[in-house]
Amino acid sequence: MIEFDKVSKSYGAVQAIDALDLQVSRGEFVVLIGASGSGKSTVLKMINRMENHDTGQILFDGRDIGGFKVRDLRLRMGYAIQSVGLFPHWTVERNIACVPQMLGWTKARIANRVNTLLQLFDLDPDTYRRRFPHELSGGQQQRVGVARALAADPDVLLMDEPFGALDPVIRASLQAEMKRVHRASGKTIVMVTHDIDEALHLATRIVLLDRGKIMQTGSPLELLAAPATSFVVDFVGRSDIGIKLLSLQQAGSVARVEPPLEGSSGAALSADASLREAVSLMATQRLQAVNLVTASGAHAGVLHAVDIFNQEGQRSGDKV
């Protein structure tokens, strides 16, 4: 869907992007990550021509982006940024409706789209559509900002550190919300972050950049389990790669088919929780095993500590 072919970009004597080759397929959630000055935001901005590349070619849907009128290109790409950028004197509804109105949508279609997006982001339409940005929390403003970026049903959603200014609790909530929205919508998303944990949590594929070059690209599991260089190891966190690997696997994937534990040993954990969360619960409560439950509260097997760390232990019992 998006293709960079030997793309370079300089700012004076500084080479920001150096002969970059990158493909983003339809439906992917690609996260660009790297240290400050690595070129990740420049790559994002070149996609919708907020920055123009010097050499090479960028294709969108098989067509050179230089062949699009800038306005037409950007109307096909939603854009969400850290500072949100909501119009302060417009209601939530009018903010979200901005691009659809520019495209000449009917009032009924716009109203329906606003309702759909507010519900998608867990904001009750009757409660929030007539509120102004200053009447919202930071997390609610960010939700509205992403909803506005999705309002005209764009082909691609571009996100530049959208959650960077939020506190950890709200940030974690919005990350979970964004992951759910991606699954529900199937949108192609390209996001920039400097937070490796955020990238590991959200991405279907991570692109790690340094000095305008790709150091490694792959799924979160591939970066953690098979880092290409010592630079990659250091960036993802040499001392806690194992802990990060646990965060990528669900507890239910290594549970045994057993009757539920009872009594003081009968603590419960969601089967969708990560193995990292399971280890934390077991460590704090000094448990050797924990019951797993589904979202409806049904028993989903028993997770044993030995099965998390011992592959032989995992193969020795029946698994859910």
Protein backbone atom coordinates (compact mmCIF):
# COMPACT_ATOMS: atom_id res chain seq x y z
CA MET A 1 0.00 0.00 0.00
CA ILE A 2 2.89 2.36 0.87
CA GLU A 3 6.33 1.81 -0.61
CA PHE A 4 9.61 3.67 -0.14
CA ASP A 5 12.14 2.93 -2.87
CA LYS A 6 15.67 4.22 -2.19
CA VAL A 7 14.28 7.37 -0.55
CA SER A 8 16.71 9.96 0.82
CA LYS A 9 16.17 13.27 2.59
CA SER A 10 18.69 15.85 3.80
CA TYR A 11 18.44 19.02 5.83
CA GLY A 12 21.46 21.00 4.70
CA ALA A 13 24.51 18.91 5.49
CA VAL A 14 22.52 16.51 7.68
CA GLN A 15 21.41 13.25 6.05
CA ALA A 16 18.07 12.53 7.73
CA ILE A 17 17.02 9.55 5.59
CA ASP A 18 19.52 7.47 3.64
CA ALA A 19 18.33 5.32 0.69
CA LEU A 20 15.37 3.94 2.62
CA ASP A 21 13.51 0.87 1.34
CA LEU A 22 10.26 0.15 3.19
CA GLN A 23 6.91 -1.44 2.36
CA VAL A 24 3.73 -1.11 4.41
CA SER A 25 0.98 -3.57 3.49
CA ARG A 26 -2.74 -2.94 3.77
CA GLY A 27 -4.04 -3.60 7.28
CA GLU A 28 -0.65 -3.51 9.02
CA PHE A 29 0.02 -1.58 12.22
CA VAL A 30 3.59 -0.44 11.58
CA VAL A 31 5.43 1.38 14.35
CA LEU A 32 8.50 3.47 13.51
CA ILE A 33 10.85 3.69 16.45
CA GLY A 34 14.31 5.04 17.14
CA ALA A 35 16.23 7.60 19.16
CA SER A 36 15.83 11.34 18.60
CA GLY A 37 17.23 12.21 15.19
CA SER A 38 16.81 8.68 13.82
CA GLY A 39 14.46 9.92 11.07
CA LYS A 40 11.23 8.27 12.20
CA SER A 41 9.06 11.43 12.13
CA THR A 42 10.58 12.45 8.80
CA VAL A 43 9.56 9.11 7.30
CA LEU A 44 6.00 9.59 8.56
CA LYS A 45 5.73 13.15 7.26
CA MET A 46 7.02 12.20 3.83
CA ILE A 47 4.08 9.81 3.40
CA ASN A 48 1.54 12.67 3.25
CA ARG A 49 4.02 15.20 1.81
CA MET A 50 4.36 17.31 4.91
CA GLU A 51 8.02 16.79 4.06
CA ASN A 52 9.23 16.23 0.48
CA HIS A 53 11.90 13.62 -0.20
CA ASP A 54 15.01 14.54 -2.20
CA THR A 55 15.62 11.33 -4.14
CA GLY A 56 13.97 7.97 -4.64
CA GLN A 57 10.27 7.24 -4.96
CA ILE A 58 7.32 6.93 -2.58
CA LEU A 59 4.28 5.04 -3.85
CA PHE A 60 0.78 5.08 -2.40
CA ASP A 61 -1.58 2.44 -3.73
CA GLY A 62 0.89 1.86 -6.56
CA ARG A 63 1.03 5.53 -7.58
CA ASP A 64 3.83 8.05 -7.04
CA ILE A 65 2.71 10.45 -4.32
CA GLY A 66 4.06 13.32 -6.44
CA GLY A 67 1.22 12.62 -8.87
CA PHE A 68 -1.44 13.46 -6.26
CA LYS A 69 -2.66 16.93 -5.41
CA VAL A 70 -1.51 17.48 -1.84
CA ARG A 71 -5.07 18.09 -0.63
CA ASP A 72 -6.37 14.91 -2.27
CA LEU A 73 -3.51 12.85 -0.83
CA ARG A 74 -4.02 14.15 2.71
CA LEU A 75 -7.78 13.61 2.58
CA ARG A 76 -7.02 9.91 2.09
CA MET A 77 -4.77 9.85 5.17
CA GLY A 78 -5.89 10.57 8.70
CA TYR A 79 -3.29 12.32 10.85
CA ALA A 80 -3.12 12.33 14.66
CA ILE A 81 -0.41 14.09 16.66
CA GLN A 82 0.69 14.42 20.29
CA SER A 83 -0.78 17.89 20.79
CA VAL A 84 -4.19 16.73 19.48
CA GLY A 85 -4.88 20.07 17.74
CA LEU A 86 -8.64 20.19 18.35
CA PHE A 87 -10.34 23.46 17.45
CA PRO A 88 -11.06 24.93 20.91
CA HIS A 89 -14.26 26.82 19.99
CA TRP A 90 -15.81 23.87 18.15
CA THR A 91 -17.79 21.09 19.79
CA VAL A 92 -16.58 17.50 19.73
CA GLU A 93 -19.10 16.76 17.00
CA ARG A 94 -17.94 19.63 14.80
CA ASN A 95 -14.28 18.74 15.32
CA ILE A 96 -14.87 15.15 14.19
CA ALA A 97 -17.09 16.30 11.30
CA CYS A 98 -14.51 18.71 9.88
CA VAL A 99 -13.09 16.56 7.05
CA PRO A 100 -16.39 14.88 6.08
CA GLN A 101 -17.90 18.37 5.71
CA MET A 102 -15.00 19.35 3.43
CA LEU A 103 -15.77 16.28 1.34
CA GLY A 104 -19.41 17.27 1.01
CA TRP A 105 -20.96 14.47 3.04
CA THR A 106 -24.67 14.83 3.88
CA LYS A 107 -25.66 15.89 7.40
CA ALA A 108 -27.23 12.50 8.06
CA ARG A 109 -24.11 10.63 6.98
CA ILE A 110 -21.88 12.90 9.09
CA ALA A 111 -24.10 12.51 12.17
CA ASN A 112 -24.03 8.74 11.80
CA ARG A 113 -20.24 8.73 11.41
CA VAL A 114 -19.77 10.91 14.50
CA ASN A 115 -21.96 8.56 16.54
CA THR A 116 -20.10 5.50 15.27
CA LEU A 117 -16.68 6.92 16.12
CA LEU A 118 -17.66 8.17 19.56
CA GLN A 119 -19.01 4.73 20.38
CA LEU A 120 -15.88 3.10 18.96
CA PHE A 121 -13.77 5.14 21.38
CA ASP A 122 -16.09 4.46 24.31
CA LEU A 123 -17.46 8.03 24.43
CA ASP A 124 -21.24 8.17 24.79
CA PRO A 125 -22.51 10.32 21.86
CA ASP A 126 -25.32 11.92 23.86
CA THR A 127 -22.87 12.90 26.60
CA TYR A 128 -19.89 14.09 24.55
CA ARG A 129 -20.94 15.32 21.11
CA ARG A 130 -21.85 18.82 22.32
CA ARG A 131 -18.92 19.28 24.70
CA PHE A 132 -15.98 21.55 23.93
CA PRO A 133 -12.35 20.40 24.15
CA HIS A 134 -11.72 22.25 27.44
CA GLU A 135 -14.52 20.20 29.00
CA LEU A 136 -12.69 16.94 28.27
CA SER A 137 -9.83 15.19 30.05
CA GLY A 138 -6.50 14.80 28.25
CA GLY A 139 -7.28 11.19 27.41
CA GLN A 140 -10.73 12.11 26.08
CA GLN A 141 -9.24 14.86 23.93
CA GLN A 142 -6.76 12.38 22.48
CA ARG A 143 -9.59 9.94 21.72
CA VAL A 144 -11.47 12.69 19.89
CA GLY A 145 -8.30 13.62 17.99
CA VAL A 146 -7.88 10.07 16.70
CA ALA A 147 -11.62 9.85 15.96
CA ARG A 148 -11.31 13.03 13.87
CA ALA A 149 -8.39 11.50 11.98
CA LEU A 150 -10.60 8.48 11.17
CA ALA A 151 -13.74 10.51 10.41
CA ALA A 152 -13.62 10.38 6.60
CA ASP A 153 -12.75 6.67 6.65
CA PRO A 154 -9.19 7.28 5.32
CA ASP A 155 -7.12 4.55 3.71
CA VAL A 156 -4.25 5.17 6.15
CA LEU A 157 -3.95 6.56 9.67
CA LEU A 158 -0.67 8.34 10.46
CA MET A 159 0.14 8.90 14.14
CA ASP A 160 3.07 10.94 15.45
CA GLU A 161 3.69 10.12 19.13
CA PRO A 162 -0.03 10.57 19.84
CA PHE A 163 0.10 9.46 23.49
CA GLY A 164 3.45 10.94 24.50
CA ALA A 165 2.10 13.76 26.68
CA LEU A 166 -0.32 11.60 28.70
CA ASP A 167 0.20 10.10 32.14
CA PRO A 168 1.01 6.36 32.28
CA VAL A 169 -2.47 5.19 33.31
CA ILE A 170 -4.31 7.11 30.57
CA ARG A 171 -1.61 6.19 28.07
CA ALA A 172 -2.00 2.47 28.79
CA SER A 173 -5.76 2.79 28.44
CA LEU A 174 -5.48 4.51 25.06
CA GLN A 175 -2.94 1.98 23.82
CA ALA A 176 -5.42 -0.79 24.58
CA GLU A 177 -8.15 1.24 22.89
CA MET A 178 -6.01 1.79 19.79
CA LYS A 179 -5.19 -1.90 19.54
CA ARG A 180 -8.90 -2.73 19.73
CA VAL A 181 -9.76 -0.07 17.12
CA HIS A 182 -7.14 -1.50 14.75
CA ARG A 183 -8.59 -4.99 15.10
CA ALA A 184 -12.14 -3.68 14.62
CA SER A 185 -11.43 -1.41 11.65
CA GLY A 186 -8.63 -3.22 9.82
CA LYS A 187 -7.08 0.16 9.04
CA THR A 188 -3.51 0.55 7.84
CA ILE A 189 -1.73 2.47 10.62
CA VAL A 190 1.77 3.94 10.63
CA MET A 191 2.81 5.32 14.01
CA VAL A 192 5.89 7.00 15.43
CA THR A 193 6.95 6.49 19.03
CA HIS A 194 10.16 6.58 21.07
CA ASP A 195 8.73 4.09 23.59
CA ILE A 196 9.81 0.50 22.89
CA ASP A 197 7.16 -0.94 25.22
CA GLU A 198 4.45 0.97 23.34
CA ALA A 199 5.80 -0.34 20.04
CA LEU A 200 5.90 -3.92 21.30
CA HIS A 201 2.34 -3.66 22.58
CA LEU A 202 0.74 -2.10 19.50
CA ALA A 203 2.67 -3.07 16.38
CA THR A 204 2.12 -5.92 13.99
CA ARG A 205 5.53 -4.87 12.67
CA ILE A 206 8.25 -2.64 14.11
CA VAL A 207 10.74 -0.63 12.04
CA LEU A 208 13.80 0.37 14.11
CA LEU A 209 15.67 3.31 12.61
CA ASP A 210 19.05 4.85 13.33
CA ARG A 211 20.52 7.80 11.43
CA GLY A 212 18.02 7.41 8.62
CA LYS A 213 18.64 3.70 8.06
CA ILE A 214 16.62 0.64 9.03
CA MET A 215 18.47 -1.39 11.65
CA GLN A 216 15.84 -4.13 11.77
CA THR A 217 12.20 -4.66 10.86
CA GLY A 218 9.95 -7.47 11.99
CA SER A 219 7.22 -8.48 14.38
CA PRO A 220 7.67 -7.63 18.07
CA LEU A 221 8.51 -11.28 18.72
CA GLU A 222 11.15 -11.30 15.97
CA LEU A 223 12.89 -8.21 17.37
CA LEU A 224 13.01 -9.67 20.86
CA ALA A 225 13.78 -13.30 20.00
CA ALA A 226 16.19 -12.67 17.12
CA PRO A 227 17.74 -9.18 17.34
CA ALA A 228 19.95 -8.57 14.32
CA THR A 229 22.72 -6.59 16.01
CA SER A 230 23.96 -5.47 19.41
CA PHE A 231 22.41 -2.06 18.63
CA VAL A 232 18.98 -3.71 18.43
CA VAL A 233 19.60 -5.64 21.65
CA ASP A 234 20.54 -2.44 23.49
CA PHE A 235 17.57 -0.52 22.09
CA VAL A 236 14.92 -3.08 23.00
CA GLY A 237 16.48 -3.50 26.44
CA ARG A 238 19.32 -5.95 26.93
CA SER A 239 18.57 -6.54 30.62
CA ASP A 240 14.86 -7.30 30.31
CA ILE A 241 14.31 -8.90 26.91
CA GLY A 242 12.99 -12.01 28.65
CA ILE A 243 10.39 -9.99 30.56
CA LYS A 244 9.31 -8.27 27.35
CA LEU A 245 8.96 -11.65 25.65
CA LEU A 246 6.57 -12.72 28.40
CA SER A 247 4.42 -9.66 27.68
CA LEU A 248 3.81 -10.88 24.10
CA GLN A 249 2.26 -14.24 25.05
CA GLN A 250 -1.16 -14.79 26.61
CA ALA A 251 -1.55 -16.82 29.77
CA GLY A 252 -4.17 -19.01 28.13
CA SER A 253 -1.66 -20.23 25.53
CA VAL A 254 0.24 -22.33 28.08
CA ALA A 255 -2.57 -23.27 30.50
CA ARG A 256 -3.30 -26.89 31.39
CA VAL A 257 -6.76 -28.40 31.02
CA GLU A 258 -7.43 -29.05 34.72
CA PRO A 259 -10.24 -28.50 37.21
CA PRO A 260 -10.02 -25.14 39.00
CA LEU A 261 -7.83 -24.80 42.07
CA GLU A 262 -9.77 -24.19 45.26
CA GLY A 263 -9.20 -22.51 48.60
CA SER A 264 -6.29 -20.15 49.16
CA SER A 265 -4.66 -21.39 45.96
CA GLY A 266 -7.67 -20.44 43.87
CA ALA A 267 -6.59 -16.98 42.69
CA ALA A 268 -7.91 -16.11 39.21
CA LEU A 269 -6.49 -14.28 36.23
CA SER A 270 -7.92 -13.49 32.79
CA ALA A 271 -6.87 -16.00 30.15
CA ASP A 272 -6.16 -12.99 27.91
CA ALA A 273 -3.64 -11.55 30.39
CA SER A 274 0.01 -11.67 29.41
CA LEU A 275 2.48 -14.10 30.92
CA ARG A 276 4.21 -11.02 32.32
CA GLU A 277 1.06 -10.18 34.29
CA ALA A 278 0.79 -13.79 35.40
CA VAL A 279 4.37 -13.79 36.70
CA SER A 280 3.67 -10.57 38.59
CA LEU A 281 0.55 -12.01 40.23
CA MET A 282 2.26 -15.26 41.14
CA ALA A 283 5.28 -13.46 42.58
CA THR A 284 3.29 -11.03 44.73
CA GLN A 285 0.92 -13.74 46.02
CA ARG A 286 3.58 -16.47 46.15
CA LEU A 287 1.61 -18.86 43.97
CA GLN A 288 2.80 -21.87 42.02
CA ALA A 289 -0.35 -21.93 39.88
CA VAL A 290 -3.35 -19.74 39.10
CA ASN A 291 -6.84 -20.31 37.69
CA LEU A 292 -7.59 -18.70 34.35
CA VAL A 293 -11.03 -17.36 33.45
CA THR A 294 -12.68 -16.12 30.26
CA ALA A 295 -14.24 -12.67 29.87
CA SER A 296 -17.57 -14.19 30.96
CA GLY A 297 -16.01 -15.71 34.08
CA ALA A 298 -15.90 -19.32 32.86
CA HIS A 299 -12.98 -21.52 33.92
CA ALA A 300 -10.27 -21.63 31.22
CA GLY A 301 -7.67 -23.94 32.72
CA VAL A 302 -4.83 -23.64 35.21
CA LEU A 303 -1.53 -21.86 34.57
CA HIS A 304 1.48 -23.33 36.39
CA ALA A 305 4.61 -21.30 37.06
CA VAL A 306 6.81 -24.15 35.88
CA ASP A 307 5.10 -24.08 32.48
CA ILE A 308 5.98 -20.42 31.94
CA PHE A 309 9.72 -20.94 32.27
CA ASN A 310 10.24 -24.64 31.51
CA GLN A 311 9.53 -25.71 27.95
CA GLU A 312 9.73 -29.36 28.99
CA GLY A 313 7.09 -28.58 31.59
CA GLN A 314 4.93 -27.00 28.91
CA ARG A 315 5.10 -30.15 26.77
CA SER A 316 4.38 -32.51 29.68
CA GLY A 317 0.73 -31.63 30.24
CA ASP A 318 -2.37 -31.00 28.16
CA LYS A 319 -2.74 -27.36 27.13
CA VAL A 320 -5.80 -25.25 26.44
